[in-house]
């Protein structure tokens, strides 16, 4: 006892008077540690059970030495799935084609020639995104409904893509198809060579009435809104009119320039003819999201 002095004596006295509390605290700390260890073990077992399927698949494929070459092999050729010429007026046609890109990792930019009734029309502005279809339209060419059309893909430049695709979201609204007929004109002439203005005509001066039929005008109107975070320098909008069986009755195409983000643009497509009853119209919007020169980023002029 003589060796205990000052703080040592105070600590010994405190421990002696609080021995039960210290023992309880130690028991509680031990129970908490054991509980934590059990909780961690339970969590690990649950995760193991949840991931058991994936783990088994990984074990089964350890010995698999095959390589997926889809992303590195040479791109497949573009496929022309549809070519046709349909009436725009009584003596003109709209020629169109649908081109399909079967490649998931390549953008195709190409030149092409649309031949209608033996006359070739060449262009350099073909663009098609990976794993998608694109409409090519050449409008108001001389011809009739039975005109022949053929599309040739002349040359393709491929761009290998990497990373996520910039989002291009377009919202169509107020789509309407409407047909009107302009009233024709009526002209009355006389069969007589006389220039008389008598009130009564003789039998040799019987009048002839000539009626010019009115012109039928069908229009598809609507609005497209660029709901993307980016703007685009060039956006292609195709209006397609189909009957209830899905047959294309009319097709037109406009190119919008400098389409700002979150901006709306009015559209109007016209044909000087009448479509079938219950014809339905739709808009197809295309743009090059992989060409940085086509993007208008926030803050760009």
Protein backbone atom coordinates (compact mmCIF):
# COMPACT_ATOMS: atom_id res chain seq x y z
CA UNK A 1 0.00 0.00 0.00
CA UNK A 2 2.94 2.35 0.62
CA UNK A 3 3.82 2.14 -3.07
CA UNK A 4 0.50 3.73 -4.13
CA UNK A 5 0.69 7.47 -4.20
CA UNK A 6 -1.24 10.26 -5.86
CA UNK A 7 -2.85 9.31 -9.19
CA UNK A 8 -2.17 5.59 -8.77
CA UNK A 9 -4.13 5.54 -5.54
CA UNK A 10 -7.01 7.48 -7.11
CA UNK A 11 -7.16 5.12 -10.12
CA UNK A 12 -7.15 2.06 -7.90
CA UNK A 13 -9.88 3.51 -5.73
CA UNK A 14 -12.01 4.38 -8.85
CA UNK A 15 -11.61 0.87 -10.30
CA UNK A 16 -12.50 -0.76 -7.00
CA UNK A 17 -15.68 1.30 -6.71
CA UNK A 18 -16.66 0.90 -10.42
CA UNK A 19 -15.69 -2.72 -10.96
CA UNK A 20 -19.24 -3.78 -11.98
CA UNK A 21 -19.60 -0.98 -14.53
CA UNK A 22 -16.22 -1.76 -16.09
CA UNK A 23 -17.12 -5.44 -16.38
CA UNK A 24 -20.47 -4.56 -18.00
CA UNK A 25 -18.78 -2.21 -20.47
CA UNK A 26 -16.24 -4.88 -21.45
CA UNK A 27 -19.03 -7.41 -21.96
CA UNK A 28 -20.97 -4.93 -24.11
CA UNK A 29 -17.90 -4.13 -26.20
CA UNK A 30 -17.25 -7.82 -26.77
CA UNK A 31 -20.87 -8.46 -27.75
CA UNK A 32 -20.77 -5.51 -30.20
CA UNK A 33 -17.55 -6.82 -31.81
CA UNK A 34 -18.97 -10.32 -32.20
CA UNK A 35 -22.22 -8.92 -33.62
CA UNK A 36 -20.30 -6.84 -36.15
CA UNK A 37 -18.31 -9.87 -37.26
CA UNK A 38 -21.53 -11.88 -37.69
CA UNK A 39 -23.16 -9.04 -39.63
CA UNK A 40 -20.21 -8.85 -42.02
CA UNK A 41 -20.34 -12.62 -42.54
CA UNK A 42 -24.09 -12.54 -43.21
CA UNK A 43 -23.67 -9.74 -45.79
CA UNK A 44 -20.89 -11.66 -47.55
CA UNK A 45 -23.01 -14.82 -47.68
CA UNK A 46 -25.98 -12.90 -49.15
CA UNK A 47 -23.75 -11.31 -51.80
CA UNK A 48 -22.31 -14.70 -52.64
CA UNK A 49 -25.78 -16.18 -53.11
CA UNK A 50 -26.92 -13.25 -55.25
CA UNK A 51 -23.86 -13.45 -57.49
CA UNK A 52 -23.73 -17.22 -57.63
CA UNK A 53 -25.03 -17.37 -61.20
CA UNK A 54 -22.52 -14.84 -62.48
CA UNK A 55 -19.74 -16.57 -60.60
CA UNK A 56 -20.60 -19.94 -62.14
CA UNK A 57 -20.70 -18.40 -65.62
CA UNK A 58 -17.31 -16.80 -65.06
CA UNK A 59 -15.86 -20.14 -63.92
CA UNK A 60 -17.32 -21.92 -66.96
CA UNK A 61 -15.78 -19.39 -69.37
CA UNK A 62 -12.29 -19.36 -67.83
CA UNK A 63 -11.12 -21.89 -70.38
CA UNK A 64 -12.85 -20.15 -73.29
CA UNK A 65 -10.15 -18.67 -75.53
CA UNK A 66 -12.49 -17.43 -78.28
CA UNK A 67 -12.35 -13.75 -79.34
CA UNK A 68 -15.29 -11.55 -80.34
CA UNK A 69 -14.23 -9.83 -83.55
CA UNK A 70 -17.44 -7.85 -84.18
CA UNK A 71 -15.89 -4.58 -83.03
CA UNK A 72 -12.61 -4.94 -84.95
CA UNK A 73 -13.45 -6.69 -88.22
CA UNK A 74 -13.84 -4.79 -91.52
CA UNK A 75 -17.31 -3.21 -91.93
CA UNK A 76 -19.93 -4.94 -94.05
CA UNK A 77 -21.29 -3.20 -97.13
CA UNK A 78 -24.33 -0.94 -97.00
CA UNK A 79 -27.56 -2.61 -98.09
CA UNK A 80 -30.11 -0.93 -100.37
CA UNK A 81 -33.42 -2.38 -99.18
CA UNK A 82 -35.96 -0.32 -101.17
CA UNK A 83 -35.90 1.81 -104.33
CA UNK A 84 -38.96 3.31 -106.00
CA UNK A 85 -40.31 6.31 -107.91
CA UNK A 86 -43.75 7.64 -106.99
CA UNK A 87 -45.83 10.47 -108.42
CA UNK A 88 -45.28 14.03 -107.29
CA UNK A 89 -47.51 15.57 -109.98
CA UNK A 90 -49.03 14.23 -113.19
CA UNK A 91 -45.67 14.53 -114.98
CA UNK A 92 -43.04 14.46 -112.20
CA UNK A 93 -41.92 11.86 -109.66
CA UNK A 94 -40.08 11.61 -106.36
CA UNK A 95 -37.47 8.85 -106.29
CA UNK A 96 -36.50 7.42 -102.93
CA UNK A 97 -34.39 4.63 -101.48
CA UNK A 98 -33.87 3.13 -98.04
CA UNK A 99 -30.28 2.24 -97.17
CA UNK A 100 -29.40 -0.01 -94.22
CA UNK A 101 -26.12 -0.01 -92.25
CA UNK A 102 -25.60 -3.49 -90.71
CA UNK A 103 -22.51 -2.39 -88.76
CA UNK A 104 -22.80 -1.64 -85.05
CA UNK A 105 -19.45 0.15 -84.71
CA UNK A 106 -19.17 2.15 -87.96
CA UNK A 107 -20.67 5.35 -89.36
CA UNK A 108 -20.99 5.35 -93.15
CA UNK A 109 -20.56 8.51 -95.23
CA UNK A 110 -21.04 7.87 -98.92
CA UNK A 111 -21.61 9.22 -102.42
CA UNK A 112 -24.42 7.75 -104.51
CA UNK A 113 -26.19 7.91 -107.86
CA UNK A 114 -29.97 7.76 -108.26
CA UNK A 115 -30.93 6.76 -111.79
CA UNK A 116 -34.50 7.51 -112.92
CA UNK A 117 -35.64 6.46 -116.40
CA UNK A 118 -32.01 6.12 -117.45
CA UNK A 119 -30.96 9.59 -116.23
CA UNK A 120 -28.35 9.56 -113.43
CA UNK A 121 -28.33 12.08 -110.56
CA UNK A 122 -25.19 12.00 -108.41
CA UNK A 123 -24.75 13.30 -104.86
CA UNK A 124 -22.06 13.32 -102.15
CA UNK A 125 -24.16 13.83 -98.98
CA UNK A 126 -25.06 10.29 -97.92
CA UNK A 127 -24.77 9.67 -94.15
CA UNK A 128 -25.94 6.70 -92.11
CA UNK A 129 -25.50 5.98 -88.41
CA UNK A 130 -24.47 2.57 -87.01
CA UNK A 131 -27.11 -0.19 -87.10
CA UNK A 132 -29.77 2.07 -88.64
CA UNK A 133 -31.65 2.94 -91.84
CA UNK A 134 -31.48 6.14 -93.87
CA UNK A 135 -33.85 7.65 -96.44
CA UNK A 136 -32.43 9.04 -99.69
CA UNK A 137 -34.88 11.21 -101.64
CA UNK A 138 -34.53 12.96 -105.01
CA UNK A 139 -37.61 15.07 -105.65
CA UNK A 140 -39.63 16.45 -108.55
CA UNK A 141 -37.92 14.68 -111.43
CA UNK A 142 -39.48 14.37 -114.88
CA UNK A 143 -41.39 11.12 -115.16
CA UNK A 144 -44.64 9.28 -114.52
CA UNK A 145 -45.85 6.83 -111.90
CA UNK A 146 -44.37 3.86 -113.81
CA UNK A 147 -40.88 5.36 -113.90
CA UNK A 148 -37.99 3.05 -113.07
CA UNK A 149 -35.47 3.94 -110.35
CA UNK A 150 -32.14 2.48 -109.28
CA UNK A 151 -29.66 3.50 -106.57
CA UNK A 152 -25.92 2.86 -106.70
CA UNK A 153 -23.63 3.41 -103.71
CA UNK A 154 -20.51 4.82 -105.34
CA UNK A 155 -18.00 5.19 -102.51
CA UNK A 156 -18.17 4.79 -98.73
CA UNK A 157 -15.92 6.30 -96.05
CA UNK A 158 -16.16 4.47 -92.73
CA UNK A 159 -15.64 5.97 -89.29
CA UNK A 160 -14.92 3.56 -86.42
CA UNK A 161 -16.79 4.81 -83.35
CA UNK A 162 -15.67 4.72 -79.72
CA UNK A 163 -17.48 5.54 -76.49
CA UNK A 164 -21.08 6.62 -75.93
CA UNK A 165 -22.97 8.23 -78.79
CA UNK A 166 -23.96 11.90 -78.38
CA UNK A 167 -27.70 11.94 -77.78
CA UNK A 168 -29.95 13.24 -80.55
CA UNK A 169 -33.60 13.53 -79.47
CA UNK A 170 -36.23 15.10 -81.71
CA UNK A 171 -39.88 15.52 -80.76
CA UNK A 172 -42.55 15.81 -83.46
CA UNK A 173 -45.84 17.61 -82.84
CA UNK A 174 -48.92 19.02 -84.62
CA UNK A 175 -48.54 16.54 -87.50
CA UNK A 176 -51.34 17.11 -90.00
CA UNK A 177 -52.12 15.96 -93.54
CA UNK A 178 -54.52 18.14 -95.53
CA UNK A 179 -55.81 18.09 -99.11
CA UNK A 180 -57.31 21.12 -100.86
CA UNK A 181 -58.48 21.77 -104.40
CA UNK A 182 -58.05 25.12 -106.12
CA UNK A 183 -61.19 26.16 -107.97
CA UNK A 184 -60.90 25.79 -111.74
CA UNK A 185 -61.61 28.56 -114.28
CA UNK A 186 -64.42 28.78 -116.84
CA UNK A 187 -64.06 30.69 -120.15
CA UNK A 188 -66.93 31.25 -122.63
CA UNK A 189 -66.08 31.81 -126.30
CA UNK A 190 -68.13 32.25 -129.49
CA UNK A 191 -67.92 30.03 -132.56
CA UNK A 192 -68.44 33.08 -134.78
CA UNK A 193 -65.60 35.09 -136.28
CA UNK A 194 -67.63 38.24 -135.71
CA UNK A 195 -66.62 40.62 -132.94
CA UNK A 196 -70.18 41.86 -132.49
CA UNK A 197 -71.38 42.54 -129.01
CA UNK A 198 -75.11 42.18 -129.85
CA UNK A 199 -77.25 41.06 -126.98
CA UNK A 200 -78.64 38.12 -128.96
CA UNK A 201 -76.42 35.60 -130.77
CA UNK A 202 -77.38 34.08 -134.13
CA UNK A 203 -77.27 30.30 -134.68
CA UNK A 204 -73.79 30.76 -136.22
CA UNK A 205 -72.61 32.50 -133.05
CA UNK A 206 -73.35 29.80 -130.44
CA UNK A 207 -71.21 30.08 -127.29
CA UNK A 208 -68.68 27.42 -126.16
CA UNK A 209 -67.76 26.99 -122.49
CA UNK A 210 -64.24 25.73 -121.60
CA UNK A 211 -63.56 24.71 -117.99
CA UNK A 212 -60.01 24.28 -116.68
CA UNK A 213 -59.93 21.79 -113.80
CA UNK A 214 -58.62 22.94 -110.46
CA UNK A 215 -55.28 21.78 -108.99
CA UNK A 216 -55.22 19.34 -106.09
CA UNK A 217 -52.71 20.20 -103.36
CA UNK A 218 -51.84 17.82 -100.51
CA UNK A 219 -49.70 19.18 -97.67
CA UNK A 220 -48.14 17.60 -94.62
CA UNK A 221 -47.35 20.10 -91.88
CA UNK A 222 -46.00 19.85 -88.38
CA UNK A 223 -43.24 20.90 -86.03
CA UNK A 224 -40.00 19.30 -84.88
CA UNK A 225 -38.22 20.23 -81.66
CA UNK A 226 -34.58 19.47 -80.99
CA UNK A 227 -34.75 18.18 -77.41
CA UNK A 228 -31.02 17.36 -77.31
CA UNK A 229 -28.32 19.04 -75.29
CA UNK A 230 -26.50 19.67 -78.58
CA UNK A 231 -27.50 21.68 -81.60
CA UNK A 232 -26.77 20.40 -85.10
CA UNK A 233 -25.51 22.15 -88.22
CA UNK A 234 -27.49 19.89 -90.54
CA UNK A 235 -30.64 17.87 -89.84
CA UNK A 236 -32.48 15.86 -92.50
CA UNK A 237 -36.26 15.52 -92.12
CA UNK A 238 -38.19 13.09 -94.33
CA UNK A 239 -41.99 13.16 -94.60
CA UNK A 240 -43.43 9.75 -95.50
CA UNK A 241 -47.09 9.21 -96.38
CA UNK A 242 -48.39 5.62 -96.30
CA UNK A 243 -51.76 3.95 -96.75
CA UNK A 244 -53.31 1.65 -94.16
CA UNK A 245 -51.42 -1.32 -95.68
CA UNK A 246 -48.07 0.40 -95.15
CA UNK A 247 -47.44 1.17 -98.83
CA UNK A 248 -45.55 4.41 -99.41
CA UNK A 249 -47.73 6.90 -101.29
CA UNK A 250 -45.53 9.99 -101.06
CA UNK A 251 -42.12 11.00 -99.78
CA UNK A 252 -40.43 14.39 -99.47
CA UNK A 253 -37.27 15.57 -97.72
CA UNK A 254 -36.04 18.89 -96.30
CA UNK A 255 -32.66 19.75 -94.77
CA UNK A 256 -32.68 22.10 -91.77
CA UNK A 257 -29.51 24.05 -90.98
CA UNK A 258 -28.21 25.32 -87.63
CA UNK A 259 -30.83 23.55 -85.55
CA UNK A 260 -30.35 24.92 -82.04
CA UNK A 261 -30.85 22.90 -78.88
CA UNK A 262 -34.36 23.02 -77.37
CA UNK A 263 -35.71 24.95 -80.38
CA UNK A 264 -38.79 24.17 -82.51
CA UNK A 265 -39.03 24.39 -86.31
CA UNK A 266 -42.13 24.37 -88.51
CA UNK A 267 -42.25 21.94 -91.43
CA UNK A 268 -44.33 21.93 -94.62
CA UNK A 269 -44.22 19.34 -97.43
CA UNK A 270 -46.37 19.61 -100.57
CA UNK A 271 -47.57 17.33 -103.36
CA UNK A 272 -49.71 18.41 -106.30
CA UNK A 273 -51.88 15.28 -106.13
CA UNK A 274 -54.40 13.50 -103.94
CA UNK A 275 -53.56 10.54 -101.69
CA UNK A 276 -55.74 7.62 -100.68
CA UNK A 277 -58.38 8.07 -98.01
CA UNK A 278 -57.04 7.49 -94.49
CA UNK A 279 -53.43 8.00 -95.58
CA UNK A 280 -51.09 8.53 -92.61
CA UNK A 281 -48.02 10.78 -92.48
CA UNK A 282 -44.89 10.57 -90.33
CA UNK A 283 -41.59 12.40 -89.95
CA UNK A 284 -38.19 10.69 -89.91
CA UNK A 285 -35.35 12.83 -88.52
CA UNK A 286 -31.67 12.06 -89.16
CA UNK A 287 -28.44 13.84 -88.25
CA UNK A 288 -24.75 12.99 -87.96
CA UNK A 289 -24.01 12.70 -84.24
CA UNK A 290 -20.46 11.39 -84.78
CA UNK A 291 -19.19 14.36 -86.80
CA UNK A 292 -17.89 16.96 -84.34
CA UNK A 293 -18.22 19.58 -87.07
CA UNK A 294 -21.96 18.93 -87.14
CA UNK A 295 -22.41 19.53 -83.40
CA UNK A 296 -23.31 22.92 -81.94
CA UNK A 297 -22.11 22.78 -78.35
CA UNK A 298 -23.51 25.03 -75.61
CA UNK A 299 -21.88 28.42 -75.99
CA UNK A 300 -21.05 28.00 -79.70
CA UNK A 301 -22.27 30.66 -82.10
